[in-house]
Amino acid sequence: MRASDLQVSLPMVARETTALEAARAIAADDLVGLVIADSAGVPSAVVSAVDVLGLLVPSYVVDDMALAGVLDEQAAEEVWAKAGQNTIGQLIDDDRVHIYELLRVDADDTILEVAARMANARAQIALIKGSSGSDAQFVTLTALMDSILTFCAPSDTSHDDA
């Protein structure tokens, strides 16, 4: 099995993408992160879904967790509406947020090669070299783990009480 056997298309975001749009993309496809495209539309980096969540939760609530418990639903709706206007660009510019360089793998790399590279880079998403722009293809950590598990013997979950 090769990297090309695991390739998928993923939504890409730009600096101008709002937190709300990014959150919708993550939720729609159960993504662990999003690929950030540069101004030319070329995939260049990855931001984790948790960091996108951080765009939606105001820092004053994170700094004082008690606020989260006392704000009612109406106040929370106002928080979400305002926070949804934040952009991926704000996340990129935030020194507290780690934006991951996009790992690149060859289409003919074996699953073991891809796994080793992704583990070494701590990458959840890798770009398949030779694909770019709207035709970019990726390997996700989830797809990689699924393929690895096909080679593993199923675990024995039965228990003998005798």
N, C-alpha and C. Protein backbone atom coordinates (compact mmCIF):
# COMPACT_ATOMS: atom_id res chain seq x y z
N MET A 1 0.84 -1.17 0.00
CA MET A 1 0.00 0.00 0.00
C MET A 1 0.89 1.24 0.00
N ARG A 2 0.49 2.23 -0.75
CA ARG A 2 1.27 3.46 -0.93
C ARG A 2 0.47 4.69 -0.49
N ALA A 3 1.17 5.80 -0.37
CA ALA A 3 0.52 7.06 0.03
C ALA A 3 -0.62 7.40 -0.92
N SER A 4 -0.41 7.14 -2.20
CA SER A 4 -1.46 7.46 -3.19
C SER A 4 -2.74 6.67 -2.95
N ASP A 5 -2.63 5.51 -2.29
CA ASP A 5 -3.82 4.72 -1.98
C ASP A 5 -4.67 5.35 -0.88
N LEU A 6 -4.08 6.28 -0.14
CA LEU A 6 -4.77 6.92 0.98
C LEU A 6 -5.18 8.36 0.68
N GLN A 7 -4.89 8.82 -0.53
CA GLN A 7 -5.09 10.24 -0.82
C GLN A 7 -6.55 10.66 -0.76
N VAL A 8 -6.73 11.86 -0.19
CA VAL A 8 -8.05 12.47 -0.10
C VAL A 8 -7.93 13.96 -0.39
N SER A 9 -9.03 14.53 -0.79
CA SER A 9 -9.10 15.99 -0.93
C SER A 9 -9.54 16.55 0.41
N LEU A 10 -9.02 17.69 0.78
CA LEU A 10 -9.41 18.35 2.02
C LEU A 10 -9.74 19.81 1.73
N PRO A 11 -10.65 20.38 2.50
CA PRO A 11 -10.90 21.82 2.33
C PRO A 11 -9.67 22.61 2.75
N MET A 12 -9.43 23.70 2.05
CA MET A 12 -8.32 24.58 2.42
C MET A 12 -8.89 25.92 2.84
N VAL A 13 -8.18 26.57 3.75
CA VAL A 13 -8.59 27.88 4.23
C VAL A 13 -7.50 28.89 3.89
N ALA A 14 -7.89 30.15 3.89
CA ALA A 14 -6.96 31.25 3.63
C ALA A 14 -6.97 32.18 4.83
N ARG A 15 -6.09 33.16 4.82
CA ARG A 15 -6.02 34.14 5.92
C ARG A 15 -7.38 34.79 6.18
N GLU A 16 -8.15 35.00 5.13
CA GLU A 16 -9.42 35.71 5.24
C GLU A 16 -10.56 34.83 5.73
N THR A 17 -10.36 33.53 5.78
CA THR A 17 -11.42 32.62 6.22
C THR A 17 -11.79 32.92 7.66
N THR A 18 -13.10 33.03 7.91
CA THR A 18 -13.53 33.32 9.29
C THR A 18 -13.46 32.05 10.14
N ALA A 19 -13.41 32.27 11.45
CA ALA A 19 -13.40 31.15 12.39
C ALA A 19 -14.65 30.30 12.22
N LEU A 20 -15.76 30.94 11.94
CA LEU A 20 -17.02 30.22 11.76
C LEU A 20 -16.95 29.31 10.52
N GLU A 21 -16.43 29.83 9.43
CA GLU A 21 -16.28 29.02 8.21
C GLU A 21 -15.32 27.86 8.46
N ALA A 22 -14.24 28.13 9.16
CA ALA A 22 -13.26 27.09 9.47
C ALA A 22 -13.89 26.02 10.36
N ALA A 23 -14.64 26.45 11.36
CA ALA A 23 -15.30 25.50 12.27
C ALA A 23 -16.30 24.63 11.51
N ARG A 24 -17.02 25.22 10.58
CA ARG A 24 -17.98 24.45 9.78
C ARG A 24 -17.26 23.38 8.95
N ALA A 25 -16.13 23.74 8.36
CA ALA A 25 -15.36 22.78 7.57
C ALA A 25 -14.86 21.63 8.44
N ILE A 26 -14.40 21.95 9.63
CA ILE A 26 -13.91 20.92 10.56
C ILE A 26 -15.06 20.00 10.97
N ALA A 27 -16.18 20.59 11.34
CA ALA A 27 -17.32 19.80 11.81
C ALA A 27 -17.93 18.95 10.70
N ALA A 28 -17.99 19.48 9.50
CA ALA A 28 -18.62 18.76 8.38
C ALA A 28 -17.91 17.46 8.05
N ASP A 29 -16.58 17.46 8.18
CA ASP A 29 -15.80 16.28 7.79
C ASP A 29 -15.04 15.64 8.94
N ASP A 30 -15.38 16.01 10.18
CA ASP A 30 -14.68 15.46 11.36
C ASP A 30 -13.17 15.56 11.21
N LEU A 31 -12.69 16.74 10.86
CA LEU A 31 -11.26 16.94 10.62
C LEU A 31 -10.50 17.24 11.91
N VAL A 32 -9.23 16.85 11.94
CA VAL A 32 -8.37 17.15 13.08
C VAL A 32 -7.62 18.46 12.89
N GLY A 33 -7.69 18.99 11.68
CA GLY A 33 -7.03 20.24 11.37
C GLY A 33 -7.42 20.70 9.98
N LEU A 34 -6.91 21.86 9.63
CA LEU A 34 -7.20 22.43 8.31
C LEU A 34 -5.91 22.80 7.61
N VAL A 35 -5.92 22.66 6.31
CA VAL A 35 -4.78 23.07 5.49
C VAL A 35 -4.95 24.55 5.17
N ILE A 36 -3.88 25.30 5.38
CA ILE A 36 -3.89 26.73 5.08
C ILE A 36 -3.20 26.93 3.74
N ALA A 37 -3.87 27.62 2.83
CA ALA A 37 -3.30 27.93 1.53
C ALA A 37 -2.72 29.34 1.57
N ASP A 38 -1.62 29.54 0.85
CA ASP A 38 -1.05 30.88 0.78
C ASP A 38 -1.86 31.73 -0.19
N SER A 39 -1.43 32.95 -0.44
CA SER A 39 -2.20 33.88 -1.28
C SER A 39 -2.36 33.39 -2.72
N ALA A 40 -1.49 32.48 -3.15
CA ALA A 40 -1.58 31.92 -4.49
C ALA A 40 -2.44 30.65 -4.53
N GLY A 41 -2.97 30.25 -3.37
CA GLY A 41 -3.80 29.05 -3.31
C GLY A 41 -3.02 27.77 -3.15
N VAL A 42 -1.72 27.89 -2.85
CA VAL A 42 -0.86 26.71 -2.68
C VAL A 42 -0.90 26.27 -1.21
N PRO A 43 -1.17 24.99 -0.96
CA PRO A 43 -1.18 24.51 0.43
C PRO A 43 0.19 24.73 1.07
N SER A 44 0.19 25.34 2.26
CA SER A 44 1.49 25.68 2.85
C SER A 44 1.64 25.32 4.32
N ALA A 45 0.54 25.17 5.05
CA ALA A 45 0.64 24.91 6.49
C ALA A 45 -0.62 24.21 6.98
N VAL A 46 -0.57 23.80 8.25
CA VAL A 46 -1.71 23.13 8.88
C VAL A 46 -1.96 23.79 10.23
N VAL A 47 -3.23 24.01 10.53
CA VAL A 47 -3.63 24.51 11.84
C VAL A 47 -4.54 23.44 12.47
N SER A 48 -4.34 23.17 13.74
CA SER A 48 -5.13 22.14 14.40
C SER A 48 -6.56 22.62 14.66
N ALA A 49 -7.47 21.68 14.74
CA ALA A 49 -8.86 22.00 15.04
C ALA A 49 -8.99 22.66 16.41
N VAL A 50 -8.14 22.26 17.34
CA VAL A 50 -8.18 22.85 18.69
C VAL A 50 -7.83 24.33 18.63
N ASP A 51 -6.87 24.70 17.80
CA ASP A 51 -6.52 26.11 17.67
C ASP A 51 -7.63 26.91 17.01
N VAL A 52 -8.35 26.30 16.08
CA VAL A 52 -9.51 26.97 15.49
C VAL A 52 -10.58 27.17 16.57
N LEU A 53 -10.77 26.17 17.41
CA LEU A 53 -11.69 26.32 18.54
C LEU A 53 -11.28 27.50 19.40
N GLY A 54 -9.98 27.67 19.59
CA GLY A 54 -9.48 28.80 20.37
C GLY A 54 -9.85 30.15 19.79
N LEU A 55 -10.07 30.21 18.47
CA LEU A 55 -10.53 31.45 17.83
C LEU A 55 -11.96 31.76 18.23
N LEU A 56 -12.73 30.73 18.53
CA LEU A 56 -14.14 30.91 18.86
C LEU A 56 -14.36 31.26 20.33
N VAL A 57 -13.45 30.83 21.19
CA VAL A 57 -13.59 31.08 22.63
C VAL A 57 -12.76 32.31 22.99
N PRO A 58 -13.40 33.37 23.44
CA PRO A 58 -12.66 34.60 23.78
C PRO A 58 -11.61 34.34 24.87
N SER A 59 -10.50 35.03 24.76
CA SER A 59 -9.41 34.85 25.72
C SER A 59 -9.84 35.18 27.14
N TYR A 60 -10.77 36.14 27.30
CA TYR A 60 -11.19 36.48 28.67
C TYR A 60 -11.94 35.32 29.33
N VAL A 61 -12.59 34.47 28.53
CA VAL A 61 -13.27 33.30 29.09
C VAL A 61 -12.24 32.22 29.43
N VAL A 62 -11.25 32.05 28.58
CA VAL A 62 -10.19 31.07 28.85
C VAL A 62 -9.41 31.49 30.09
N ASP A 63 -9.15 32.78 30.22
CA ASP A 63 -8.40 33.30 31.37
C ASP A 63 -9.17 33.19 32.67
N ASP A 64 -10.50 33.23 32.60
CA ASP A 64 -11.34 33.13 33.80
C ASP A 64 -12.44 32.10 33.52
N MET A 65 -12.11 30.84 33.72
CA MET A 65 -13.02 29.74 33.39
C MET A 65 -14.37 29.84 34.09
N ALA A 66 -14.43 30.53 35.22
CA ALA A 66 -15.70 30.67 35.94
C ALA A 66 -16.73 31.40 35.08
N LEU A 67 -16.28 32.26 34.18
CA LEU A 67 -17.21 32.98 33.30
C LEU A 67 -18.01 32.02 32.42
N ALA A 68 -17.36 30.97 31.97
CA ALA A 68 -18.04 30.01 31.10
C ALA A 68 -19.25 29.40 31.80
N GLY A 69 -19.16 29.25 33.10
CA GLY A 69 -20.26 28.66 33.85
C GLY A 69 -21.37 29.62 34.22
N VAL A 70 -21.09 30.92 34.18
CA VAL A 70 -22.12 31.88 34.60
C VAL A 70 -22.79 32.60 33.43
N LEU A 71 -22.20 32.54 32.26
CA LEU A 71 -22.83 33.18 31.10
C LEU A 71 -24.03 32.34 30.66
N ASP A 72 -25.18 32.99 30.48
CA ASP A 72 -26.36 32.26 30.04
C ASP A 72 -26.31 32.03 28.53
N GLU A 73 -27.30 31.32 28.01
CA GLU A 73 -27.32 30.97 26.59
C GLU A 73 -27.32 32.20 25.69
N GLN A 74 -28.06 33.23 26.07
CA GLN A 74 -28.11 34.44 25.26
C GLN A 74 -26.74 35.09 25.19
N ALA A 75 -26.06 35.18 26.32
CA ALA A 75 -24.72 35.76 26.34
C ALA A 75 -23.76 34.90 25.53
N ALA A 76 -23.91 33.59 25.63
CA ALA A 76 -23.05 32.68 24.87
C ALA A 76 -23.27 32.86 23.37
N GLU A 77 -24.52 33.05 22.95
CA GLU A 77 -24.81 33.28 21.54
C GLU A 77 -24.10 34.54 21.04
N GLU A 78 -24.08 35.57 21.86
CA GLU A 78 -23.37 36.81 21.49
C GLU A 78 -21.87 36.56 21.38
N VAL A 79 -21.35 35.76 22.30
CA VAL A 79 -19.92 35.41 22.26
C VAL A 79 -19.61 34.70 20.95
N TRP A 80 -20.43 33.69 20.60
CA TRP A 80 -20.18 32.92 19.37
C TRP A 80 -20.30 33.80 18.13
N ALA A 81 -21.30 34.67 18.11
CA ALA A 81 -21.51 35.53 16.94
C ALA A 81 -20.31 36.45 16.72
N LYS A 82 -19.82 37.04 17.80
CA LYS A 82 -18.67 37.95 17.68
C LYS A 82 -17.39 37.19 17.34
N ALA A 83 -17.17 36.08 18.01
CA ALA A 83 -15.95 35.31 17.80
C ALA A 83 -15.89 34.70 16.41
N GLY A 84 -17.04 34.40 15.84
CA GLY A 84 -17.09 33.82 14.51
C GLY A 84 -16.52 34.71 13.43
N GLN A 85 -16.37 36.00 13.74
CA GLN A 85 -15.82 36.94 12.77
C GLN A 85 -14.29 36.96 12.78
N ASN A 86 -13.67 36.34 13.79
CA ASN A 86 -12.21 36.24 13.80
C ASN A 86 -11.76 35.46 12.58
N THR A 87 -10.52 35.67 12.17
CA THR A 87 -10.05 35.03 10.94
C THR A 87 -8.86 34.11 11.20
N ILE A 88 -8.62 33.24 10.23
CA ILE A 88 -7.46 32.36 10.28
C ILE A 88 -6.18 33.20 10.31
N GLY A 89 -6.19 34.34 9.66
CA GLY A 89 -5.03 35.23 9.69
C GLY A 89 -4.66 35.64 11.11
N GLN A 90 -5.67 35.88 11.95
CA GLN A 90 -5.40 36.22 13.35
C GLN A 90 -4.73 35.05 14.06
N LEU A 91 -5.13 33.86 13.71
CA LEU A 91 -4.53 32.67 14.30
C LEU A 91 -3.08 32.52 13.86
N ILE A 92 -2.84 32.73 12.58
CA ILE A 92 -1.48 32.63 12.04
C ILE A 92 -0.56 33.64 12.72
N ASP A 93 -1.07 34.82 13.00
CA ASP A 93 -0.26 35.89 13.58
C ASP A 93 -0.10 35.78 15.10
N ASP A 94 -0.82 34.87 15.73
CA ASP A 94 -0.78 34.71 17.19
C ASP A 94 0.44 33.88 17.58
N ASP A 95 1.35 34.46 18.34
CA ASP A 95 2.57 33.76 18.74
C ASP A 95 2.30 32.55 19.64
N ARG A 96 1.14 32.51 20.27
CA ARG A 96 0.82 31.39 21.15
C ARG A 96 0.33 30.16 20.39
N VAL A 97 0.02 30.33 19.12
CA VAL A 97 -0.52 29.25 18.31
C VAL A 97 0.59 28.67 17.43
N HIS A 98 0.67 27.35 17.42
CA HIS A 98 1.67 26.68 16.59
C HIS A 98 1.03 26.32 15.24
N ILE A 99 1.53 26.95 14.21
CA ILE A 99 1.10 26.61 12.86
C ILE A 99 2.14 25.62 12.33
N TYR A 100 1.68 24.47 11.91
CA TYR A 100 2.59 23.41 11.47
C TYR A 100 2.93 23.54 9.99
N GLU A 101 4.20 23.38 9.69
CA GLU A 101 4.62 23.33 8.30
C GLU A 101 3.98 22.10 7.68
N LEU A 102 3.55 22.21 6.45
CA LEU A 102 2.87 21.10 5.78
C LEU A 102 3.90 20.06 5.34
N LEU A 103 3.79 18.88 5.90
CA LEU A 103 4.67 17.76 5.53
C LEU A 103 4.32 17.33 4.11
N ARG A 104 5.35 16.98 3.36
CA ARG A 104 5.14 16.51 1.99
C ARG A 104 5.69 15.09 1.86
N VAL A 105 4.89 14.22 1.23
CA VAL A 105 5.31 12.84 1.01
C VAL A 105 5.15 12.51 -0.47
N ASP A 106 5.93 11.54 -0.92
CA ASP A 106 5.82 11.09 -2.31
C ASP A 106 4.63 10.15 -2.45
N ALA A 107 3.98 10.20 -3.59
CA ALA A 107 2.81 9.36 -3.84
C ALA A 107 3.15 7.88 -3.74
N ASP A 108 4.40 7.51 -4.08
CA ASP A 108 4.78 6.10 -4.02
C ASP A 108 5.45 5.69 -2.71
N ASP A 109 5.47 6.58 -1.71
CA ASP A 109 5.98 6.21 -0.39
C ASP A 109 5.12 5.09 0.19
N THR A 110 5.77 4.14 0.85
CA THR A 110 5.02 3.07 1.51
C THR A 110 4.32 3.63 2.74
N ILE A 111 3.38 2.86 3.25
CA ILE A 111 2.66 3.28 4.45
C ILE A 111 3.63 3.43 5.62
N LEU A 112 4.63 2.55 5.70
CA LEU A 112 5.62 2.66 6.77
C LEU A 112 6.43 3.95 6.64
N GLU A 113 6.80 4.31 5.41
CA GLU A 113 7.53 5.57 5.20
C GLU A 113 6.67 6.77 5.61
N VAL A 114 5.42 6.76 5.19
CA VAL A 114 4.52 7.86 5.53
C VAL A 114 4.33 7.93 7.04
N ALA A 115 4.13 6.78 7.67
CA ALA A 115 3.94 6.74 9.12
C ALA A 115 5.17 7.28 9.84
N ALA A 116 6.35 6.88 9.40
CA ALA A 116 7.59 7.34 10.04
C ALA A 116 7.74 8.85 9.89
N ARG A 117 7.47 9.36 8.71
CA ARG A 117 7.60 10.81 8.47
C ARG A 117 6.57 11.61 9.27
N MET A 118 5.34 11.12 9.29
CA MET A 118 4.30 11.83 10.03
C MET A 118 4.57 11.79 11.53
N ALA A 119 5.04 10.65 12.03
CA ALA A 119 5.36 10.55 13.46
C ALA A 119 6.52 11.47 13.80
N ASN A 120 7.55 11.48 12.97
CA ASN A 120 8.72 12.33 13.22
C ASN A 120 8.36 13.81 13.20
N ALA A 121 7.50 14.19 12.27
CA ALA A 121 7.11 15.61 12.13
C ALA A 121 5.93 15.97 13.03
N ARG A 122 5.36 14.97 13.71
CA ARG A 122 4.16 15.18 14.53
C ARG A 122 3.04 15.79 13.68
N ALA A 123 2.92 15.28 12.46
CA ALA A 123 1.98 15.81 11.47
C ALA A 123 0.68 15.00 11.46
N GLN A 124 -0.42 15.69 11.36
CA GLN A 124 -1.72 15.04 11.25
C GLN A 124 -2.20 14.99 9.81
N ILE A 125 -1.56 15.79 8.97
CA ILE A 125 -1.91 15.87 7.55
C ILE A 125 -0.62 16.00 6.76
N ALA A 126 -0.54 15.28 5.64
CA ALA A 126 0.62 15.39 4.75
C ALA A 126 0.13 15.62 3.32
N LEU A 127 0.82 16.49 2.61
CA LEU A 127 0.51 16.76 1.21
C LEU A 127 1.23 15.75 0.34
N ILE A 128 0.54 15.20 -0.64
CA ILE A 128 1.18 14.31 -1.59
C ILE A 128 1.85 15.18 -2.65
N LYS A 129 3.18 15.02 -2.76
CA LYS A 129 3.96 15.83 -3.70
C LYS A 129 3.41 15.67 -5.11
N GLY A 130 3.47 16.76 -5.86
CA GLY A 130 2.99 16.75 -7.23
C GLY A 130 1.54 17.19 -7.35
N SER A 131 0.85 17.27 -6.24
CA SER A 131 -0.53 17.77 -6.27
C SER A 131 -0.51 19.15 -5.64
N SER A 132 -1.32 20.05 -6.17
CA SER A 132 -1.33 21.40 -5.60
C SER A 132 -2.62 22.12 -5.95
N GLY A 133 -2.76 23.29 -5.35
CA GLY A 133 -3.94 24.10 -5.60
C GLY A 133 -5.21 23.36 -5.27
N SER A 134 -6.23 23.56 -6.06
CA SER A 134 -7.52 22.92 -5.79
C SER A 134 -7.47 21.41 -6.04
N ASP A 135 -6.42 20.94 -6.72
CA ASP A 135 -6.27 19.51 -6.98
C ASP A 135 -5.37 18.83 -5.94
N ALA A 136 -5.01 19.54 -4.89
CA ALA A 136 -4.11 18.98 -3.88
C ALA A 136 -4.73 17.75 -3.23
N GLN A 137 -3.88 16.77 -3.00
CA GLN A 137 -4.29 15.52 -2.35
C GLN A 137 -3.46 15.34 -1.08
N PHE A 138 -4.08 14.76 -0.07
CA PHE A 138 -3.45 14.66 1.24
C PHE A 138 -3.59 13.26 1.81
N VAL A 139 -2.74 12.96 2.77
CA VAL A 139 -2.89 11.77 3.60
C VAL A 139 -3.21 12.28 5.00
N THR A 140 -4.28 11.77 5.59
CA THR A 140 -4.64 12.19 6.94
C THR A 140 -4.18 11.13 7.94
N LEU A 141 -3.97 11.55 9.16
CA LEU A 141 -3.57 10.64 10.21
C LEU A 141 -4.62 9.54 10.40
N THR A 142 -5.87 9.89 10.31
CA THR A 142 -6.95 8.91 10.48
C THR A 142 -6.88 7.83 9.40
N ALA A 143 -6.72 8.23 8.15
CA ALA A 143 -6.63 7.25 7.05
C ALA A 143 -5.39 6.38 7.21
N LEU A 144 -4.29 6.99 7.63
CA LEU A 144 -3.06 6.24 7.84
C LEU A 144 -3.24 5.19 8.93
N MET A 145 -3.84 5.60 10.06
CA MET A 145 -4.07 4.66 11.16
C MET A 145 -4.99 3.52 10.72
N ASP A 146 -6.03 3.85 9.97
CA ASP A 146 -6.94 2.81 9.46
C ASP A 146 -6.18 1.80 8.62
N SER A 147 -5.29 2.28 7.75
CA SER A 147 -4.54 1.36 6.89
C SER A 147 -3.56 0.51 7.70
N ILE A 148 -2.93 1.09 8.70
CA ILE A 148 -2.01 0.33 9.55
C ILE A 148 -2.78 -0.78 10.27
N LEU A 149 -3.96 -0.47 10.75
CA LEU A 149 -4.75 -1.45 11.50
C LEU A 149 -5.19 -2.63 10.64
N THR A 150 -5.26 -2.45 9.32
CA THR A 150 -5.64 -3.58 8.46
C THR A 150 -4.55 -4.65 8.46
N PHE A 151 -3.33 -4.28 8.81
CA PHE A 151 -2.23 -5.23 8.85
C PHE A 151 -2.07 -5.89 10.22
N CYS A 152 -2.79 -5.41 11.20
CA CYS A 152 -2.67 -5.93 12.56
C CYS A 152 -3.74 -6.98 12.81
N ALA A 153 -3.37 -8.00 13.56
CA ALA A 153 -4.34 -9.04 13.92
C ALA A 153 -5.38 -8.43 14.85
N PRO A 154 -6.63 -8.80 14.66
CA PRO A 154 -7.65 -8.27 15.57
C PRO A 154 -7.36 -8.73 17.00
N SER A 155 -7.62 -7.86 17.93
CA SER A 155 -7.37 -8.21 19.33
C SER A 155 -8.47 -9.13 19.82
N ASP A 156 -8.11 -9.99 20.73
CA ASP A 156 -9.08 -10.91 21.32
C ASP A 156 -9.76 -10.18 22.47
N THR A 157 -11.01 -9.81 22.26
CA THR A 157 -11.73 -9.06 23.30
C THR A 157 -12.60 -9.97 24.15
N SER A 158 -12.60 -11.27 23.84
CA SER A 158 -13.40 -12.18 24.67
C SER A 158 -12.63 -12.48 25.95
N HIS A 159 -13.36 -12.67 27.00
CA HIS A 159 -12.75 -12.94 28.30
C HIS A 159 -13.24 -14.28 28.81
N ASP A 160 -12.33 -15.11 29.22
CA ASP A 160 -12.68 -16.40 29.80
C ASP A 160 -12.86 -16.24 31.28
N ASP A 161 -14.03 -16.51 31.77
CA ASP A 161 -14.30 -16.39 33.21
C ASP A 161 -14.03 -17.70 33.94
N ALA A 162 -13.59 -18.72 33.23
CA ALA A 162 -13.39 -20.04 33.84
C ALA A 162 -12.15 -20.12 34.67
